[in-house]
Amino acid sequence: MRVDIWSDVVCPFCYIGKKRLEKATEQAGVELEVHWHSFQLDADAPKRQEISNSERLAQKYGRSLAEVEEMQRNIAEMAKAEGIEFNWQNANSGNTLDAHRIIHLAQSKGLGSEAKEAFFYSYMTDGLAIGERETLEDVASRIGLNPVEVDDVLDSDEYADFVKFDEATARDQLNVTGVPFFVFDQRIALSGAQPTEVFVQVLEKALEPVDTNTETNQAEQCDDAQCAPKQ
């Protein structure tokens, strides 16, 4: 079964959603053909932030530092339940355009999911600067991408049009307002890092005979600080 996923590598709910989908896939006994799509939460972000991630989020959303830190702790607990170690104190956010370009390169080699997992882990667990070239090259090396091809991409604008196309599709055709966002079998949409049982239900629904109408399961949209794009 095909599933298209819009996400950003600095969104913890996207990582949580990925893990829950994988668990649901195993429970439902379904094999997925995953297509990853880009969705930058802050396309204007610098390569590396000069302030802490918590300070950045507090400024971005007009919340107190204490409120943001409490939110981060809650997300970390949710992530822990899915086997993710979210070291939010060390999160080093930045512009994710190049990460998305490397993911598109990896996807062209059949390594899209490996790249996505590696970027999620690098940012949320290792606390690496997601927008810096050293991190990008480290991730690419870990999943076996050719370093010459990686350099060629990073030294050019290659795959930037793929990123823009993904974001335009999300905005103009799917009305996506937050990530993660999933489309199963190109006809059933689901937004947010839903519980595993919801993913199982959607997978079972997608296995039913095709209806002529596109269906949308709209549950809790990820509109928390790290899942809604910068306005």
C-alpha atoms as a PDB file:
ATOM      1  CA  MET A   1       0.000   0.000   0.000  1.00  0.00           C
ATOM      2  CA  ARG A   2       1.250   3.458  -0.866  1.00  0.00           C
ATOM      3  CA  VAL A   3       1.426   6.112   1.842  1.00  0.00           C
ATOM      4  CA  ASP A   4       2.525   9.708   1.238  1.00  0.00           C
ATOM      5  CA  ILE A   5       3.833  11.561   4.296  1.00  0.00           C
ATOM      6  CA  TRP A   6       4.423  15.302   4.675  1.00  0.00           C
ATOM      7  CA  SER A   7       6.694  16.163   7.580  1.00  0.00           C
ATOM      8  CA  ASP A   8       9.665  18.159   8.824  1.00  0.00           C
ATOM      9  CA  VAL A   9      12.734  16.671  10.490  1.00  0.00           C
ATOM     10  CA  VAL A  10      12.547  19.091  13.449  1.00  0.00           C
ATOM     11  CA  CYS A  11       8.960  18.152  14.332  1.00  0.00           C
ATOM     12  CA  PRO A  12       8.885  15.638  17.214  1.00  0.00           C
ATOM     13  CA  PHE A  13       5.282  14.716  16.408  1.00  0.00           C
ATOM     14  CA  CYS A  14       6.451  13.674  12.934  1.00  0.00           C
ATOM     15  CA  TYR A  15       8.934  11.248  14.510  1.00  0.00           C
ATOM     16  CA  ILE A  16       6.283   9.972  16.917  1.00  0.00           C
ATOM     17  CA  GLY A  17       3.847   9.569  14.016  1.00  0.00           C
ATOM     18  CA  LYS A  18       6.438   7.616  12.035  1.00  0.00           C
ATOM     19  CA  LYS A  19       6.970   5.182  14.902  1.00  0.00           C
ATOM     20  CA  ARG A  20       3.245   4.732  15.475  1.00  0.00           C
ATOM     21  CA  LEU A  21       2.629   4.096  11.789  1.00  0.00           C
ATOM     22  CA  GLU A  22       5.386   1.479  11.739  1.00  0.00           C
ATOM     23  CA  LYS A  23       3.846  -0.239  14.756  1.00  0.00           C
ATOM     24  CA  ALA A  24       0.392  -0.156  13.158  1.00  0.00           C
ATOM     25  CA  THR A  25       1.767  -1.530   9.906  1.00  0.00           C
ATOM     26  CA  GLU A  26       3.214  -4.495  11.779  1.00  0.00           C
ATOM     27  CA  GLN A  27      -0.021  -5.097  13.659  1.00  0.00           C
ATOM     28  CA  ALA A  28      -2.117  -4.908  10.503  1.00  0.00           C
ATOM     29  CA  GLY A  29       0.267  -7.060   8.499  1.00  0.00           C
ATOM     30  CA  VAL A  30       0.465  -4.461   5.733  1.00  0.00           C
ATOM     31  CA  GLU A  31       3.518  -3.671   3.631  1.00  0.00           C
ATOM     32  CA  LEU A  32       3.865   0.032   2.868  1.00  0.00           C
ATOM     33  CA  GLU A  33       5.452   1.870  -0.022  1.00  0.00           C
ATOM     34  CA  VAL A  34       6.400   5.111   1.714  1.00  0.00           C
ATOM     35  CA  HIS A  35       6.843   8.377  -0.190  1.00  0.00           C
ATOM     36  CA  TRP A  36       8.282  11.199   1.925  1.00  0.00           C
ATOM     37  CA  HIS A  37       7.337  14.801   1.164  1.00  0.00           C
ATOM     38  CA  SER A  38       8.852  18.036   2.410  1.00  0.00           C
ATOM     39  CA  PHE A  39       7.101  20.496   4.684  1.00  0.00           C
ATOM     40  CA  GLN A  40       9.323  23.165   6.227  1.00  0.00           C
ATOM     41  CA  LEU A  41       7.980  24.586   9.474  1.00  0.00           C
ATOM     42  CA  ASP A  42      10.191  27.666   9.181  1.00  0.00           C
ATOM     43  CA  ALA A  43      11.601  28.210   5.700  1.00  0.00           C
ATOM     44  CA  ASP A  44      13.245  31.466   6.814  1.00  0.00           C
ATOM     45  CA  ALA A  45      15.226  29.941   9.663  1.00  0.00           C
ATOM     46  CA  PRO A  46      19.012  30.448   9.653  1.00  0.00           C
ATOM     47  CA  LYS A  47      21.374  27.506   9.225  1.00  0.00           C
ATOM     48  CA  ARG A  48      21.916  27.489  12.981  1.00  0.00           C
ATOM     49  CA  GLN A  49      20.000  29.203  15.757  1.00  0.00           C
ATOM     50  CA  GLU A  50      21.985  31.444  18.093  1.00  0.00           C
ATOM     51  CA  ILE A  51      19.547  30.926  20.981  1.00  0.00           C
ATOM     52  CA  SER A  52      18.213  27.753  22.587  1.00  0.00           C
ATOM     53  CA  ASN A  53      15.352  25.943  20.925  1.00  0.00           C
ATOM     54  CA  SER A  54      13.101  26.665  23.905  1.00  0.00           C
ATOM     55  CA  GLU A  55      13.886  30.389  23.707  1.00  0.00           C
ATOM     56  CA  ARG A  56      13.214  30.343  19.975  1.00  0.00           C
ATOM     57  CA  LEU A  57       9.827  28.687  20.443  1.00  0.00           C
ATOM     58  CA  ALA A  58       8.886  31.056  23.263  1.00  0.00           C
ATOM     59  CA  GLN A  59       9.634  34.029  21.023  1.00  0.00           C
ATOM     60  CA  LYS A  60       7.913  32.499  18.012  1.00  0.00           C
ATOM     61  CA  TYR A  61       4.645  31.739  19.751  1.00  0.00           C
ATOM     62  CA  GLY A  62       4.586  34.444  22.414  1.00  0.00           C
ATOM     63  CA  ARG A  63       4.729  31.971  25.281  1.00  0.00           C
ATOM     64  CA  SER A  64       6.807  32.023  28.432  1.00  0.00           C
ATOM     65  CA  LEU A  65       9.963  29.960  28.618  1.00  0.00           C
ATOM     66  CA  ALA A  66       8.415  27.919  31.429  1.00  0.00           C
ATOM     67  CA  GLU A  67       5.373  27.103  29.277  1.00  0.00           C
ATOM     68  CA  VAL A  68       7.525  25.981  26.373  1.00  0.00           C
ATOM     69  CA  GLU A  69       9.750  23.845  28.592  1.00  0.00           C
ATOM     70  CA  GLU A  70       6.705  22.143  30.117  1.00  0.00           C
ATOM     71  CA  MET A  71       5.379  21.461  26.631  1.00  0.00           C
ATOM     72  CA  GLN A  72       8.741  19.999  25.623  1.00  0.00           C
ATOM     73  CA  ARG A  73       8.808  17.723  28.661  1.00  0.00           C
ATOM     74  CA  ASN A  74       5.331  16.455  27.801  1.00  0.00           C
ATOM     75  CA  ILE A  75       6.367  15.761  24.213  1.00  0.00           C
ATOM     76  CA  ALA A  76       9.477  13.959  25.450  1.00  0.00           C
ATOM     77  CA  GLU A  77       7.302  11.672  27.594  1.00  0.00           C
ATOM     78  CA  MET A  78       5.063  10.951  24.626  1.00  0.00           C
ATOM     79  CA  ALA A  79       8.132  10.218  22.492  1.00  0.00           C
ATOM     80  CA  LYS A  80       9.610   7.944  25.164  1.00  0.00           C
ATOM     81  CA  ALA A  81       6.511   5.739  24.966  1.00  0.00           C
ATOM     82  CA  GLU A  82       7.363   5.166  21.294  1.00  0.00           C
ATOM     83  CA  GLY A  83      11.011   4.336  21.982  1.00  0.00           C
ATOM     84  CA  ILE A  84      12.311   7.807  21.110  1.00  0.00           C
ATOM     85  CA  GLU A  85      14.784   9.646  23.310  1.00  0.00           C
ATOM     86  CA  PHE A  86      13.899  13.298  22.726  1.00  0.00           C
ATOM     87  CA  ASN A  87      16.674  15.358  24.298  1.00  0.00           C
ATOM     88  CA  TRP A  88      14.831  18.639  23.884  1.00  0.00           C
ATOM     89  CA  GLN A  89      17.316  20.581  26.001  1.00  0.00           C
ATOM     90  CA  ASN A  90      19.981  19.939  23.358  1.00  0.00           C
ATOM     91  CA  ALA A  91      17.795  20.391  20.267  1.00  0.00           C
ATOM     92  CA  ASN A  92      19.686  22.525  17.763  1.00  0.00           C
ATOM     93  CA  SER A  93      17.143  23.775  15.273  1.00  0.00           C
ATOM     94  CA  GLY A  94      17.885  25.513  12.006  1.00  0.00           C
ATOM     95  CA  ASN A  95      16.893  25.677   8.367  1.00  0.00           C
ATOM     96  CA  THR A  96      15.828  22.254   7.087  1.00  0.00           C
ATOM     97  CA  LEU A  97      15.891  22.891   3.333  1.00  0.00           C
ATOM     98  CA  ASP A  98      19.171  21.046   2.796  1.00  0.00           C
ATOM     99  CA  ALA A  99      18.019  18.141   4.961  1.00  0.00           C
ATOM    100  CA  HIS A 100      14.930  17.826   2.776  1.00  0.00           C
ATOM    101  CA  ARG A 101      17.079  17.953  -0.360  1.00  0.00           C
ATOM    102  CA  ILE A 102      19.245  15.117   0.960  1.00  0.00           C
ATOM    103  CA  ILE A 103      16.114  13.123   1.792  1.00  0.00           C
ATOM    104  CA  HIS A 104      14.967  13.516  -1.817  1.00  0.00           C
ATOM    105  CA  LEU A 105      18.386  12.335  -2.996  1.00  0.00           C
ATOM    106  CA  ALA A 106      18.147   9.350  -0.653  1.00  0.00           C
ATOM    107  CA  GLN A 107      14.621   8.605  -1.817  1.00  0.00           C
ATOM    108  CA  SER A 108      15.863   8.434  -5.410  1.00  0.00           C
ATOM    109  CA  LYS A 109      18.157   5.623  -4.208  1.00  0.00           C
ATOM    110  CA  GLY A 110      15.430   3.806  -2.269  1.00  0.00           C
ATOM    111  CA  LEU A 111      16.735   5.134   1.052  1.00  0.00           C
ATOM    112  CA  GLY A 112      14.112   7.741   1.883  1.00  0.00           C
ATOM    113  CA  SER A 113      12.925   6.154   5.125  1.00  0.00           C
ATOM    114  CA  GLU A 114      16.491   5.520   6.245  1.00  0.00           C
ATOM    115  CA  ALA A 115      17.348   9.181   5.665  1.00  0.00           C
ATOM    116  CA  LYS A 116      14.254  10.384   7.487  1.00  0.00           C
ATOM    117  CA  GLU A 117      14.970   8.184  10.490  1.00  0.00           C
ATOM    118  CA  ALA A 118      18.607   9.295  10.584  1.00  0.00           C
ATOM    119  CA  PHE A 119      17.701  12.988  10.478  1.00  0.00           C
ATOM    120  CA  PHE A 120      15.050  12.585  13.168  1.00  0.00           C
ATOM    121  CA  TYR A 121      17.536  10.775  15.398  1.00  0.00           C
ATOM    122  CA  SER A 122      20.348  13.243  14.737  1.00  0.00           C
ATOM    123  CA  TYR A 123      18.194  16.207  15.675  1.00  0.00           C
ATOM    124  CA  MET A 124      16.080  14.850  18.523  1.00  0.00           C
ATOM    125  CA  THR A 125      18.404  12.372  20.201  1.00  0.00           C
ATOM    126  CA  ASP A 126      21.926  13.449  19.286  1.00  0.00           C
ATOM    127  CA  GLY A 127      21.188  17.187  19.357  1.00  0.00           C
ATOM    128  CA  LEU A 128      23.117  17.859  16.141  1.00  0.00           C
ATOM    129  CA  ALA A 129      22.718  21.161  14.302  1.00  0.00           C
ATOM    130  CA  ILE A 130      20.210  20.128  11.649  1.00  0.00           C
ATOM    131  CA  GLY A 131      21.038  22.924   9.203  1.00  0.00           C
ATOM    132  CA  GLU A 132      24.814  22.572   9.170  1.00  0.00           C
ATOM    133  CA  ARG A 133      26.728  20.778   6.465  1.00  0.00           C
ATOM    134  CA  GLU A 134      28.641  18.576   8.898  1.00  0.00           C
ATOM    135  CA  THR A 135      25.360  17.086  10.140  1.00  0.00           C
ATOM    136  CA  LEU A 136      24.026  16.631   6.624  1.00  0.00           C
ATOM    137  CA  GLU A 137      27.178  14.837   5.498  1.00  0.00           C
ATOM    138  CA  ASP A 138      27.199  12.684   8.649  1.00  0.00           C
ATOM    139  CA  VAL A 139      23.618  11.532   8.059  1.00  0.00           C
ATOM    140  CA  ALA A 140      24.281  10.881   4.382  1.00  0.00           C
ATOM    141  CA  SER A 141      27.356   8.827   5.228  1.00  0.00           C
ATOM    142  CA  ARG A 142      25.512   6.767   7.843  1.00  0.00           C
ATOM    143  CA  ILE A 143      22.852   5.634   5.380  1.00  0.00           C
ATOM    144  CA  GLY A 144      25.368   4.881   2.622  1.00  0.00           C
ATOM    145  CA  LEU A 145      24.903   7.755   0.184  1.00  0.00           C
ATOM    146  CA  ASN A 146      27.761   8.504  -2.201  1.00  0.00           C
ATOM    147  CA  PRO A 147      29.698  11.447  -0.679  1.00  0.00           C
ATOM    148  CA  VAL A 148      30.440  12.886  -4.132  1.00  0.00           C
ATOM    149  CA  GLU A 149      26.734  12.961  -4.990  1.00  0.00           C
ATOM    150  CA  VAL A 150      25.967  14.495  -1.607  1.00  0.00           C
ATOM    151  CA  ASP A 151      28.541  17.243  -2.181  1.00  0.00           C
ATOM    152  CA  ASP A 152      27.132  17.890  -5.646  1.00  0.00           C
ATOM    153  CA  VAL A 153      23.651  18.359  -4.173  1.00  0.00           C
ATOM    154  CA  LEU A 154      24.806  20.590  -1.327  1.00  0.00           C
ATOM    155  CA  ASP A 155      26.932  22.694  -3.694  1.00  0.00           C
ATOM    156  CA  SER A 156      23.917  23.325  -5.937  1.00  0.00           C
ATOM    157  CA  ASP A 157      20.165  23.889  -5.792  1.00  0.00           C
ATOM    158  CA  GLU A 158      19.403  20.316  -6.821  1.00  0.00           C
ATOM    159  CA  TYR A 159      16.117  18.976  -5.419  1.00  0.00           C
ATOM    160  CA  ALA A 160      15.087  22.425  -4.163  1.00  0.00           C
ATOM    161  CA  ASP A 161      12.282  22.364  -6.713  1.00  0.00           C
ATOM    162  CA  PHE A 162      11.122  19.024  -5.260  1.00  0.00           C
ATOM    163  CA  VAL A 163      10.841  20.660  -1.840  1.00  0.00           C
ATOM    164  CA  LYS A 164       8.868  23.593  -3.247  1.00  0.00           C
ATOM    165  CA  PHE A 165       6.579  21.262  -5.188  1.00  0.00           C
ATOM    166  CA  ASP A 166       5.840  19.189  -2.076  1.00  0.00           C
ATOM    167  CA  GLU A 167       5.012  22.283  -0.061  1.00  0.00           C
ATOM    168  CA  ALA A 168       2.826  23.737  -2.806  1.00  0.00           C
ATOM    169  CA  THR A 169       0.912  20.460  -3.079  1.00  0.00           C
ATOM    170  CA  ALA A 170       0.370  20.384   0.674  1.00  0.00           C
ATOM    171  CA  ARG A 171      -0.778  23.998   0.779  1.00  0.00           C
ATOM    172  CA  ASP A 172      -2.811  24.309  -2.412  1.00  0.00           C
ATOM    173  CA  GLN A 173      -4.258  20.836  -2.956  1.00  0.00           C
ATOM    174  CA  LEU A 174      -4.447  19.211   0.470  1.00  0.00           C
ATOM    175  CA  ASN A 175      -4.945  22.279   2.688  1.00  0.00           C
ATOM    176  CA  VAL A 176      -2.328  21.003   5.110  1.00  0.00           C
ATOM    177  CA  THR A 177      -1.926  23.307   8.105  1.00  0.00           C
ATOM    178  CA  GLY A 178       0.344  21.138  10.239  1.00  0.00           C
ATOM    179  CA  VAL A 179       2.435  17.999  10.165  1.00  0.00           C
ATOM    180  CA  PRO A 180       2.664  15.058  10.130  1.00  0.00           C
ATOM    181  CA  PHE A 181       0.105  14.559   7.371  1.00  0.00           C
ATOM    182  CA  PHE A 182      -0.542  11.159   5.785  1.00  0.00           C
ATOM    183  CA  VAL A 183      -2.361  10.115   2.618  1.00  0.00           C
ATOM    184  CA  PHE A 184      -3.050   6.388   2.283  1.00  0.00           C
ATOM    185  CA  ASP A 185      -3.601   4.810  -1.117  1.00  0.00           C
ATOM    186  CA  GLN A 186      -3.813   8.351  -2.556  1.00  0.00           C
ATOM    187  CA  ARG A 187      -7.369   8.704  -1.212  1.00  0.00           C
ATOM    188  CA  ILE A 188      -7.563   8.612   2.602  1.00  0.00           C
ATOM    189  CA  ALA A 189      -5.928  11.427   4.549  1.00  0.00           C
ATOM    190  CA  LEU A 190      -5.003  11.509   8.219  1.00  0.00           C
ATOM    191  CA  SER A 191      -3.464  14.422  10.090  1.00  0.00           C
ATOM    192  CA  GLY A 192      -1.461  14.365  13.263  1.00  0.00           C
ATOM    193  CA  ALA A 193       0.545  11.809  15.241  1.00  0.00           C
ATOM    194  CA  GLN A 194      -2.506   9.693  15.916  1.00  0.00           C
ATOM    195  CA  PRO A 195      -2.589   6.741  18.347  1.00  0.00           C
ATOM    196  CA  THR A 196      -1.440   3.443  16.855  1.00  0.00           C
ATOM    197  CA  GLU A 197      -4.970   2.044  16.877  1.00  0.00           C
ATOM    198  CA  VAL A 198      -6.156   4.922  14.674  1.00  0.00           C
ATOM    199  CA  PHE A 199      -3.451   4.120  12.141  1.00  0.00           C
ATOM    200  CA  VAL A 200      -4.556   0.480  12.201  1.00  0.00           C
ATOM    201  CA  GLN A 201      -8.151   1.519  11.504  1.00  0.00           C
ATOM    202  CA  VAL A 202      -7.078   3.706   8.590  1.00  0.00           C
ATOM    203  CA  LEU A 203      -4.906   0.957   7.136  1.00  0.00           C
ATOM    204  CA  GLU A 204      -7.846  -1.442   7.319  1.00  0.00           C
ATOM    205  CA  LYS A 205     -10.093   1.173   5.707  1.00  0.00           C
ATOM    206  CA  ALA A 206      -7.588   1.652   2.879  1.00  0.00           C
ATOM    207  CA  LEU A 207      -7.647  -2.089   2.200  1.00  0.00           C
ATOM    208  CA  GLU A 208     -11.394  -1.988   1.556  1.00  0.00           C
ATOM    209  CA  PRO A 209     -12.739  -1.679  -2.018  1.00  0.00           C
ATOM    210  CA  VAL A 210     -11.998   1.719  -3.501  1.00  0.00           C
ATOM    211  CA  ASP A 211     -14.734   4.336  -3.300  1.00  0.00           C
ATOM    212  CA  THR A 212     -14.930   6.993  -5.979  1.00  0.00           C
ATOM    213  CA  ASN A 213     -14.714   9.778  -3.413  1.00  0.00           C
ATOM    214  CA  THR A 214     -11.591  10.814  -1.557  1.00  0.00           C
ATOM    215  CA  GLU A 215     -12.071  10.374   2.146  1.00  0.00           C
ATOM    216  CA  THR A 216     -10.467  12.417   4.892  1.00  0.00           C
ATOM    217  CA  ASN A 217     -10.040  11.346   8.493  1.00  0.00           C
ATOM    218  CA  GLN A 218      -9.380  14.637  10.267  1.00  0.00           C
ATOM    219  CA  ALA A 219      -8.520  14.091  13.904  1.00  0.00           C
ATOM    220  CA  GLU A 220      -6.255  16.159  16.113  1.00  0.00           C
ATOM    221  CA  GLN A 221      -4.078  18.285  13.877  1.00  0.00           C
ATOM    222  CA  CYS A 222      -0.531  18.821  15.073  1.00  0.00           C
ATOM    223  CA  ASP A 223      -0.792  22.509  15.843  1.00  0.00           C
ATOM    224  CA  ASP A 224       1.602  22.582  18.779  1.00  0.00           C
ATOM    225  CA  ALA A 225       4.629  24.828  18.594  1.00  0.00           C
ATOM    226  CA  GLN A 226       6.887  22.487  16.682  1.00  0.00           C
ATOM    227  CA  CYS A 227       4.287  21.141  14.299  1.00  0.00           C
ATOM    228  CA  ALA A 228       2.690  24.289  12.901  1.00  0.00           C
ATOM    229  CA  PRO A 229       4.560  26.316  10.285  1.00  0.00           C
ATOM    230  CA  LYS A 230       5.808  29.775  11.130  1.00  0.00           C
ATOM    231  CA  GLN A 231       3.270  32.398  10.176  1.00  0.00           C
END
